[in-house]
Amino acid sequence: MTIINGAGKGKEYSNEGELIYEGEYLDGIRYNGKGVEYNYNGDLFFKGEYINGQSKGYGKIHNCNGWLIYEGEITNSLRNGRGKCFNAKGEIEYEGEFLNDHFIKGKKYKHQQLVYDGEFYNQQYNGKGKEYRNGFMIYEGEFKNGKREGYGKEYINNQLAFEGEFANGKKDGKGKEYYLKYHNLRFEGEYKNGKRHGQGKEYKYNKVVYEGLYINDERANNN
């Protein structure tokens, strides 16, 4: 690499003569001040402030093919603060908060459509969040390791269909089902692995039509 004007403003080149950085230096290293960093094919990698040799501020990151994969705040050469991620087609995949290169709270997209809005941990849904499908919210509640866990609500066509407890992504524990048209109670009771299992009550026109034991979604006495 070649550095011109090691103290003050300068430029840094690869062995092939490609410009990879230009900005301010102190004792021959990128230091406190403004700078611009490029990847090997000349695309902008980062533009902003450098502190003690590390980038800090607004920047853009491109992959080895020159595609923009991130745009937003960068600290210590990592995604930190608000930003957006993009796929190879230029479609947004995530926008929100980052901490040390990881999602922490924001919106996840697939094929330009919102699929999740909420908290993250280890790049997975963790904490409070909302799931979406085809523009409609289908669930709001708690998540753990990417799956529904704890208390939550399911929706169909923007109408509440179920509220209760979840485990490992499925209804598990106490819950309530509703008729969609009139929002009347349809069932309340216990669930296991996504099915009615345990004690419960079925309703029709706000009246109890069955009360008793359920096993794998079936009434235990088949009445």
C-alpha atoms as a PDB file:
ATOM      1  CA  MET A   1       0.000   0.000   0.000  1.00  0.00           C
ATOM      2  CA  THR A   2       1.048   3.564  -0.637  1.00  0.00           C
ATOM      3  CA  ILE A   3       0.174   6.426   1.714  1.00  0.00           C
ATOM      4  CA  ILE A   4       0.594  10.017   0.592  1.00  0.00           C
ATOM      5  CA  ASN A   5       0.939  12.670   3.280  1.00  0.00           C
ATOM      6  CA  GLY A   6       0.867  10.237   6.237  1.00  0.00           C
ATOM      7  CA  ALA A   7       0.141  13.082   8.644  1.00  0.00           C
ATOM      8  CA  GLY A   8      -2.898  15.155   7.632  1.00  0.00           C
ATOM      9  CA  LYS A   9      -4.832  14.454   4.451  1.00  0.00           C
ATOM     10  CA  GLY A  10      -3.805  11.512   2.334  1.00  0.00           C
ATOM     11  CA  LYS A  11      -4.740   8.634   0.061  1.00  0.00           C
ATOM     12  CA  GLU A  12      -4.266   4.905   0.385  1.00  0.00           C
ATOM     13  CA  TYR A  13      -3.895   2.590  -2.606  1.00  0.00           C
ATOM     14  CA  SER A  14      -3.839  -1.154  -3.079  1.00  0.00           C
ATOM     15  CA  ASN A  15      -0.831  -2.886  -4.648  1.00  0.00           C
ATOM     16  CA  GLU A  16      -2.749  -2.759  -7.942  1.00  0.00           C
ATOM     17  CA  GLY A  17      -3.002   1.007  -7.722  1.00  0.00           C
ATOM     18  CA  GLU A  18      -6.679   1.151  -6.756  1.00  0.00           C
ATOM     19  CA  LEU A  19      -7.764   3.866  -4.363  1.00  0.00           C
ATOM     20  CA  ILE A  20      -9.138   2.277  -1.187  1.00  0.00           C
ATOM     21  CA  TYR A  21      -9.137   5.212   1.226  1.00  0.00           C
ATOM     22  CA  GLU A  22      -8.807   8.942   1.228  1.00  0.00           C
ATOM     23  CA  GLY A  23      -9.036  11.185   4.229  1.00  0.00           C
ATOM     24  CA  GLU A  24      -7.142  12.272   7.300  1.00  0.00           C
ATOM     25  CA  TYR A  25      -4.192  10.500   8.934  1.00  0.00           C
ATOM     26  CA  LEU A  26      -2.052  10.805  12.024  1.00  0.00           C
ATOM     27  CA  ASP A  27       1.310   9.026  12.163  1.00  0.00           C
ATOM     28  CA  GLY A  28       0.478   7.160   8.998  1.00  0.00           C
ATOM     29  CA  ILE A  29      -2.857   5.673  10.138  1.00  0.00           C
ATOM     30  CA  ARG A  30      -6.466   6.705   9.668  1.00  0.00           C
ATOM     31  CA  TYR A  31      -7.240   8.799  12.683  1.00  0.00           C
ATOM     32  CA  ASN A  32      -9.664  11.480  13.845  1.00  0.00           C
ATOM     33  CA  GLY A  33     -11.383  13.196  10.969  1.00  0.00           C
ATOM     34  CA  LYS A  34     -13.374  12.643   7.807  1.00  0.00           C
ATOM     35  CA  GLY A  35     -12.619   9.904   5.337  1.00  0.00           C
ATOM     36  CA  VAL A  36     -13.935   7.860   2.448  1.00  0.00           C
ATOM     37  CA  GLU A  37     -13.274   4.139   2.088  1.00  0.00           C
ATOM     38  CA  TYR A  38     -13.726   2.060  -1.078  1.00  0.00           C
ATOM     39  CA  ASN A  39     -13.840  -1.653  -1.768  1.00  0.00           C
ATOM     40  CA  TYR A  40     -11.602  -3.330  -4.325  1.00  0.00           C
ATOM     41  CA  ASN A  41     -13.848  -2.535  -7.315  1.00  0.00           C
ATOM     42  CA  GLY A  42     -14.093   1.138  -6.512  1.00  0.00           C
ATOM     43  CA  ASP A  43     -17.564   1.163  -4.957  1.00  0.00           C
ATOM     44  CA  LEU A  44     -18.127   3.267  -1.870  1.00  0.00           C
ATOM     45  CA  PHE A  45     -17.725   1.232   1.322  1.00  0.00           C
ATOM     46  CA  PHE A  46     -17.865   3.965   3.944  1.00  0.00           C
ATOM     47  CA  LYS A  47     -18.027   7.727   4.124  1.00  0.00           C
ATOM     48  CA  GLY A  48     -17.986   9.580   7.396  1.00  0.00           C
ATOM     49  CA  GLU A  49     -15.962  10.131  10.527  1.00  0.00           C
ATOM     50  CA  TYR A  50     -12.989   8.127  11.784  1.00  0.00           C
ATOM     51  CA  ILE A  51     -11.990   8.059  15.441  1.00  0.00           C
ATOM     52  CA  ASN A  52      -8.744   6.371  16.467  1.00  0.00           C
ATOM     53  CA  GLY A  53      -8.608   4.515  13.178  1.00  0.00           C
ATOM     54  CA  GLN A  54     -12.186   3.219  13.354  1.00  0.00           C
ATOM     55  CA  SER A  55     -15.137   4.369  11.270  1.00  0.00           C
ATOM     56  CA  LYS A  56     -18.015   6.142  12.962  1.00  0.00           C
ATOM     57  CA  GLY A  57     -21.014   7.751  11.284  1.00  0.00           C
ATOM     58  CA  TYR A  58     -23.174   7.225   8.191  1.00  0.00           C
ATOM     59  CA  GLY A  59     -21.911   4.761   5.601  1.00  0.00           C
ATOM     60  CA  LYS A  60     -22.653   2.279   2.849  1.00  0.00           C
ATOM     61  CA  ILE A  61     -21.374  -1.286   2.631  1.00  0.00           C
ATOM     62  CA  HIS A  62     -21.108  -3.211  -0.640  1.00  0.00           C
ATOM     63  CA  ASN A  63     -20.364  -6.910  -1.048  1.00  0.00           C
ATOM     64  CA  CYS A  64     -17.624  -8.350  -3.243  1.00  0.00           C
ATOM     65  CA  ASN A  65     -19.873  -8.071  -6.322  1.00  0.00           C
ATOM     66  CA  GLY A  66     -20.459  -4.400  -5.757  1.00  0.00           C
ATOM     67  CA  TRP A  67     -24.076  -4.759  -4.559  1.00  0.00           C
ATOM     68  CA  LEU A  68     -25.215  -2.410  -1.824  1.00  0.00           C
ATOM     69  CA  ILE A  69     -26.020  -4.570   1.211  1.00  0.00           C
ATOM     70  CA  TYR A  70     -26.153  -1.966   3.986  1.00  0.00           C
ATOM     71  CA  GLU A  71     -26.804   1.716   4.361  1.00  0.00           C
ATOM     72  CA  GLY A  72     -26.829   3.475   7.715  1.00  0.00           C
ATOM     73  CA  GLU A  73     -24.813   4.180  10.829  1.00  0.00           C
ATOM     74  CA  ILE A  74     -21.467   2.500  11.494  1.00  0.00           C
ATOM     75  CA  THR A  75     -19.305   2.537  14.626  1.00  0.00           C
ATOM     76  CA  ASN A  76     -15.962   0.753  14.983  1.00  0.00           C
ATOM     77  CA  SER A  77     -16.455  -0.631  11.456  1.00  0.00           C
ATOM     78  CA  LEU A  78     -19.630  -2.439  12.599  1.00  0.00           C
ATOM     79  CA  ARG A  79     -23.293  -1.687  11.955  1.00  0.00           C
ATOM     80  CA  ASN A  80     -24.412   0.298  15.001  1.00  0.00           C
ATOM     81  CA  GLY A  81     -27.457   2.541  15.196  1.00  0.00           C
ATOM     82  CA  ARG A  82     -30.149   2.874  12.539  1.00  0.00           C
ATOM     83  CA  GLY A  83     -29.741   1.308   9.119  1.00  0.00           C
ATOM     84  CA  LYS A  84     -31.126  -0.768   6.257  1.00  0.00           C
ATOM     85  CA  CYS A  85     -30.081  -4.105   4.741  1.00  0.00           C
ATOM     86  CA  PHE A  86     -30.627  -5.071   1.099  1.00  0.00           C
ATOM     87  CA  ASN A  87     -30.445  -8.307  -0.907  1.00  0.00           C
ATOM     88  CA  ALA A  88     -28.731  -8.799  -4.268  1.00  0.00           C
ATOM     89  CA  LYS A  89     -31.860  -7.555  -6.096  1.00  0.00           C
ATOM     90  CA  GLY A  90     -31.755  -4.279  -4.205  1.00  0.00           C
ATOM     91  CA  GLU A  91     -34.833  -5.215  -2.164  1.00  0.00           C
ATOM     92  CA  ILE A  92     -34.923  -4.105   1.440  1.00  0.00           C
ATOM     93  CA  GLU A  93     -34.666  -6.981   3.918  1.00  0.00           C
ATOM     94  CA  TYR A  94     -34.406  -5.144   7.241  1.00  0.00           C
ATOM     95  CA  GLU A  95     -34.630  -1.632   8.595  1.00  0.00           C
ATOM     96  CA  GLY A  96     -34.204  -0.607  12.187  1.00  0.00           C
ATOM     97  CA  GLU A  97     -31.698  -0.646  15.011  1.00  0.00           C
ATOM     98  CA  PHE A  98     -28.338  -2.465  15.035  1.00  0.00           C
ATOM     99  CA  LEU A  99     -25.942  -3.245  17.863  1.00  0.00           C
ATOM    100  CA  ASN A 100     -22.486  -4.620  17.035  1.00  0.00           C
ATOM    101  CA  ASP A 101     -23.659  -5.865  13.627  1.00  0.00           C
ATOM    102  CA  HIS A 102     -26.838  -7.546  14.969  1.00  0.00           C
ATOM    103  CA  PHE A 103     -30.508  -6.674  14.563  1.00  0.00           C
ATOM    104  CA  ILE A 104     -32.048  -5.536  17.854  1.00  0.00           C
ATOM    105  CA  LYS A 105     -35.356  -3.850  16.971  1.00  0.00           C
ATOM    106  CA  GLY A 106     -36.892  -3.202  13.578  1.00  0.00           C
ATOM    107  CA  LYS A 107     -38.798  -4.449  10.560  1.00  0.00           C
ATOM    108  CA  LYS A 108     -38.039  -7.578   8.506  1.00  0.00           C
ATOM    109  CA  TYR A 109     -39.125  -7.851   4.874  1.00  0.00           C
ATOM    110  CA  LYS A 110     -39.440 -10.638   2.316  1.00  0.00           C
ATOM    111  CA  HIS A 111     -40.002  -9.882  -1.375  1.00  0.00           C
ATOM    112  CA  GLN A 112     -40.637  -6.241  -0.440  1.00  0.00           C
ATOM    113  CA  GLN A 113     -43.426  -7.179   2.001  1.00  0.00           C
ATOM    114  CA  LEU A 114     -43.310  -6.682   5.753  1.00  0.00           C
ATOM    115  CA  VAL A 115     -43.204 -10.005   7.624  1.00  0.00           C
ATOM    116  CA  TYR A 116     -42.144  -8.938  11.131  1.00  0.00           C
ATOM    117  CA  ASP A 117     -41.915  -5.820  13.252  1.00  0.00           C
ATOM    118  CA  GLY A 118     -40.391  -6.100  16.701  1.00  0.00           C
ATOM    119  CA  GLU A 119     -37.432  -7.154  18.810  1.00  0.00           C
ATOM    120  CA  PHE A 120     -34.498  -9.379  17.833  1.00  0.00           C
ATOM    121  CA  TYR A 121     -31.727 -11.267  19.555  1.00  0.00           C
ATOM    122  CA  ASN A 122     -29.052 -13.322  17.757  1.00  0.00           C
ATOM    123  CA  GLN A 123     -30.698 -12.330  14.451  1.00  0.00           C
ATOM    124  CA  GLN A 124     -33.930 -14.140  15.436  1.00  0.00           C
ATOM    125  CA  TYR A 125     -37.305 -12.910  16.613  1.00  0.00           C
ATOM    126  CA  ASN A 126     -36.945 -12.547  20.375  1.00  0.00           C
ATOM    127  CA  GLY A 127     -39.144 -10.452  22.645  1.00  0.00           C
ATOM    128  CA  LYS A 128     -42.255  -8.529  21.666  1.00  0.00           C
ATOM    129  CA  GLY A 129     -43.217  -8.426  18.012  1.00  0.00           C
ATOM    130  CA  LYS A 130     -45.813  -8.624  15.266  1.00  0.00           C
ATOM    131  CA  GLU A 131     -45.977 -11.003  12.281  1.00  0.00           C
ATOM    132  CA  TYR A 132     -47.481 -10.023   8.944  1.00  0.00           C
ATOM    133  CA  ARG A 133     -48.643 -11.837   5.815  1.00  0.00           C
ATOM    134  CA  ASN A 134     -49.814 -10.207   2.583  1.00  0.00           C
ATOM    135  CA  GLY A 135     -50.064  -6.862   4.313  1.00  0.00           C
ATOM    136  CA  PHE A 136     -52.149  -8.102   7.251  1.00  0.00           C
ATOM    137  CA  MET A 137     -51.010  -8.601  10.823  1.00  0.00           C
ATOM    138  CA  ILE A 138     -51.472 -12.282  11.725  1.00  0.00           C
ATOM    139  CA  TYR A 139     -49.919 -12.366  15.195  1.00  0.00           C
ATOM    140  CA  GLU A 140     -48.781 -10.077  17.985  1.00  0.00           C
ATOM    141  CA  GLY A 141     -47.143 -11.173  21.177  1.00  0.00           C
ATOM    142  CA  GLU A 142     -43.991 -12.795  22.525  1.00  0.00           C
ATOM    143  CA  PHE A 143     -41.273 -14.637  20.605  1.00  0.00           C
ATOM    144  CA  LYS A 144     -38.332 -16.798  21.608  1.00  0.00           C
ATOM    145  CA  ASN A 145     -35.635 -18.000  19.190  1.00  0.00           C
ATOM    146  CA  GLY A 146     -37.788 -17.137  16.192  1.00  0.00           C
ATOM    147  CA  LYS A 147     -40.948 -18.872  17.430  1.00  0.00           C
ATOM    148  CA  ARG A 148     -44.081 -17.778  19.240  1.00  0.00           C
ATOM    149  CA  GLU A 149     -43.578 -18.260  22.954  1.00  0.00           C
ATOM    150  CA  GLY A 150     -45.683 -16.957  25.843  1.00  0.00           C
ATOM    151  CA  TYR A 151     -48.839 -14.893  25.509  1.00  0.00           C
ATOM    152  CA  GLY A 152     -50.019 -13.818  22.068  1.00  0.00           C
ATOM    153  CA  LYS A 153     -52.907 -13.085  19.736  1.00  0.00           C
ATOM    154  CA  GLU A 154     -53.674 -14.517  16.277  1.00  0.00           C
ATOM    155  CA  TYR A 155     -55.619 -12.593  13.650  1.00  0.00           C
ATOM    156  CA  ILE A 156     -57.427 -13.544  10.438  1.00  0.00           C
ATOM    157  CA  ASN A 157     -58.344 -10.709   8.056  1.00  0.00           C
ATOM    158  CA  ASN A 158     -57.551  -8.214  10.821  1.00  0.00           C
ATOM    159  CA  GLN A 159     -59.992  -9.914  13.191  1.00  0.00           C
ATOM    160  CA  LEU A 160     -58.986 -11.543  16.461  1.00  0.00           C
ATOM    161  CA  ALA A 161     -59.195 -15.329  16.075  1.00  0.00           C
ATOM    162  CA  PHE A 162     -57.282 -16.568  19.125  1.00  0.00           C
ATOM    163  CA  GLU A 163     -55.605 -15.264  22.250  1.00  0.00           C
ATOM    164  CA  GLY A 164     -53.681 -17.279  24.758  1.00  0.00           C
ATOM    165  CA  GLU A 165     -50.436 -19.089  25.485  1.00  0.00           C
ATOM    166  CA  PHE A 166     -47.895 -20.433  22.993  1.00  0.00           C
ATOM    167  CA  ALA A 167     -44.891 -22.735  23.273  1.00  0.00           C
ATOM    168  CA  ASN A 168     -42.411 -23.624  20.530  1.00  0.00           C
ATOM    169  CA  GLY A 169     -44.525 -21.781  17.972  1.00  0.00           C
ATOM    170  CA  LYS A 170     -47.837 -23.518  18.747  1.00  0.00           C
ATOM    171  CA  LYS A 171     -50.841 -22.965  20.997  1.00  0.00           C
ATOM    172  CA  ASP A 172     -49.938 -24.499  24.324  1.00  0.00           C
ATOM    173  CA  GLY A 173     -51.646 -23.724  27.608  1.00  0.00           C
ATOM    174  CA  LYS A 174     -54.813 -21.731  28.210  1.00  0.00           C
ATOM    175  CA  GLY A 175     -56.506 -19.881  25.374  1.00  0.00           C
ATOM    176  CA  LYS A 176     -59.656 -18.591  23.717  1.00  0.00           C
ATOM    177  CA  GLU A 177     -60.961 -18.914  20.142  1.00  0.00           C
ATOM    178  CA  TYR A 178     -63.446 -16.522  18.556  1.00  0.00           C
ATOM    179  CA  TYR A 179     -65.994 -16.591  15.740  1.00  0.00           C
ATOM    180  CA  LEU A 180     -64.691 -14.015  13.288  1.00  0.00           C
ATOM    181  CA  LYS A 181     -67.911 -12.455  12.061  1.00  0.00           C
ATOM    182  CA  TYR A 182     -69.388 -11.481  15.414  1.00  0.00           C
ATOM    183  CA  HIS A 183     -66.334 -11.799  17.661  1.00  0.00           C
ATOM    184  CA  ASN A 184     -68.262 -14.181  19.872  1.00  0.00           C
ATOM    185  CA  LEU A 185     -66.412 -16.705  21.995  1.00  0.00           C
ATOM    186  CA  ARG A 186     -66.068 -20.072  20.238  1.00  0.00           C
ATOM    187  CA  PHE A 187     -63.906 -22.042  22.641  1.00  0.00           C
ATOM    188  CA  GLU A 188     -61.978 -21.504  25.843  1.00  0.00           C
ATOM    189  CA  GLY A 189     -59.797 -24.032  27.541  1.00  0.00           C
ATOM    190  CA  GLU A 190     -56.507 -25.869  27.345  1.00  0.00           C
ATOM    191  CA  TYR A 191     -54.245 -26.552  24.365  1.00  0.00           C
ATOM    192  CA  LYS A 192     -51.302 -28.842  23.752  1.00  0.00           C
ATOM    193  CA  ASN A 193     -49.010 -28.760  20.712  1.00  0.00           C
ATOM    194  CA  GLY A 194     -51.470 -26.613  18.764  1.00  0.00           C
ATOM    195  CA  LYS A 195     -54.602 -28.644  19.525  1.00  0.00           C
ATOM    196  CA  ARG A 196     -57.414 -28.521  22.038  1.00  0.00           C
ATOM    197  CA  HIS A 197     -56.219 -30.842  24.749  1.00  0.00           C
ATOM    198  CA  GLY A 198     -57.499 -30.879  28.321  1.00  0.00           C
ATOM    199  CA  GLN A 199     -60.525 -29.221  29.865  1.00  0.00           C
ATOM    200  CA  GLY A 200     -62.521 -26.818  27.744  1.00  0.00           C
ATOM    201  CA  LYS A 201     -65.843 -25.280  26.722  1.00  0.00           C
ATOM    202  CA  GLU A 202     -67.402 -24.817  23.284  1.00  0.00           C
ATOM    203  CA  TYR A 203     -69.798 -21.960  22.605  1.00  0.00           C
ATOM    204  CA  LYS A 204     -72.433 -21.171  20.011  1.00  0.00           C
ATOM    205  CA  TYR A 205     -74.485 -17.988  20.043  1.00  0.00           C
ATOM    206  CA  ASN A 206     -72.863 -17.153  23.373  1.00  0.00           C
ATOM    207  CA  LYS A 207     -74.146 -20.359  24.963  1.00  0.00           C
ATOM    208  CA  VAL A 208     -72.102 -23.334  26.146  1.00  0.00           C
ATOM    209  CA  VAL A 209     -72.782 -26.337  23.896  1.00  0.00           C
ATOM    210  CA  TYR A 210     -70.133 -28.630  25.342  1.00  0.00           C
ATOM    211  CA  GLU A 211     -68.011 -28.677  28.461  1.00  0.00           C
ATOM    212  CA  GLY A 212     -65.530 -31.394  29.245  1.00  0.00           C
ATOM    213  CA  LEU A 213     -62.325 -33.108  28.233  1.00  0.00           C
ATOM    214  CA  TYR A 214     -60.612 -32.770  24.834  1.00  0.00           C
ATOM    215  CA  ILE A 215     -57.935 -35.081  23.455  1.00  0.00           C
ATOM    216  CA  ASN A 216     -56.009 -34.039  20.325  1.00  0.00           C
ATOM    217  CA  ASP A 217     -58.722 -31.616  19.194  1.00  0.00           C
ATOM    218  CA  GLU A 218     -61.577 -34.104  19.748  1.00  0.00           C
ATOM    219  CA  ARG A 219     -64.218 -34.236  22.450  1.00  0.00           C
ATOM    220  CA  ALA A 220     -63.344 -37.126  24.733  1.00  0.00           C
ATOM    221  CA  ASN A 221     -66.882 -38.545  24.718  1.00  0.00           C
ATOM    222  CA  ASN A 222     -67.564 -37.667  21.025  1.00  0.00           C
ATOM    223  CA  ASN A 223     -70.817 -35.919  21.946  1.00  0.00           C
END
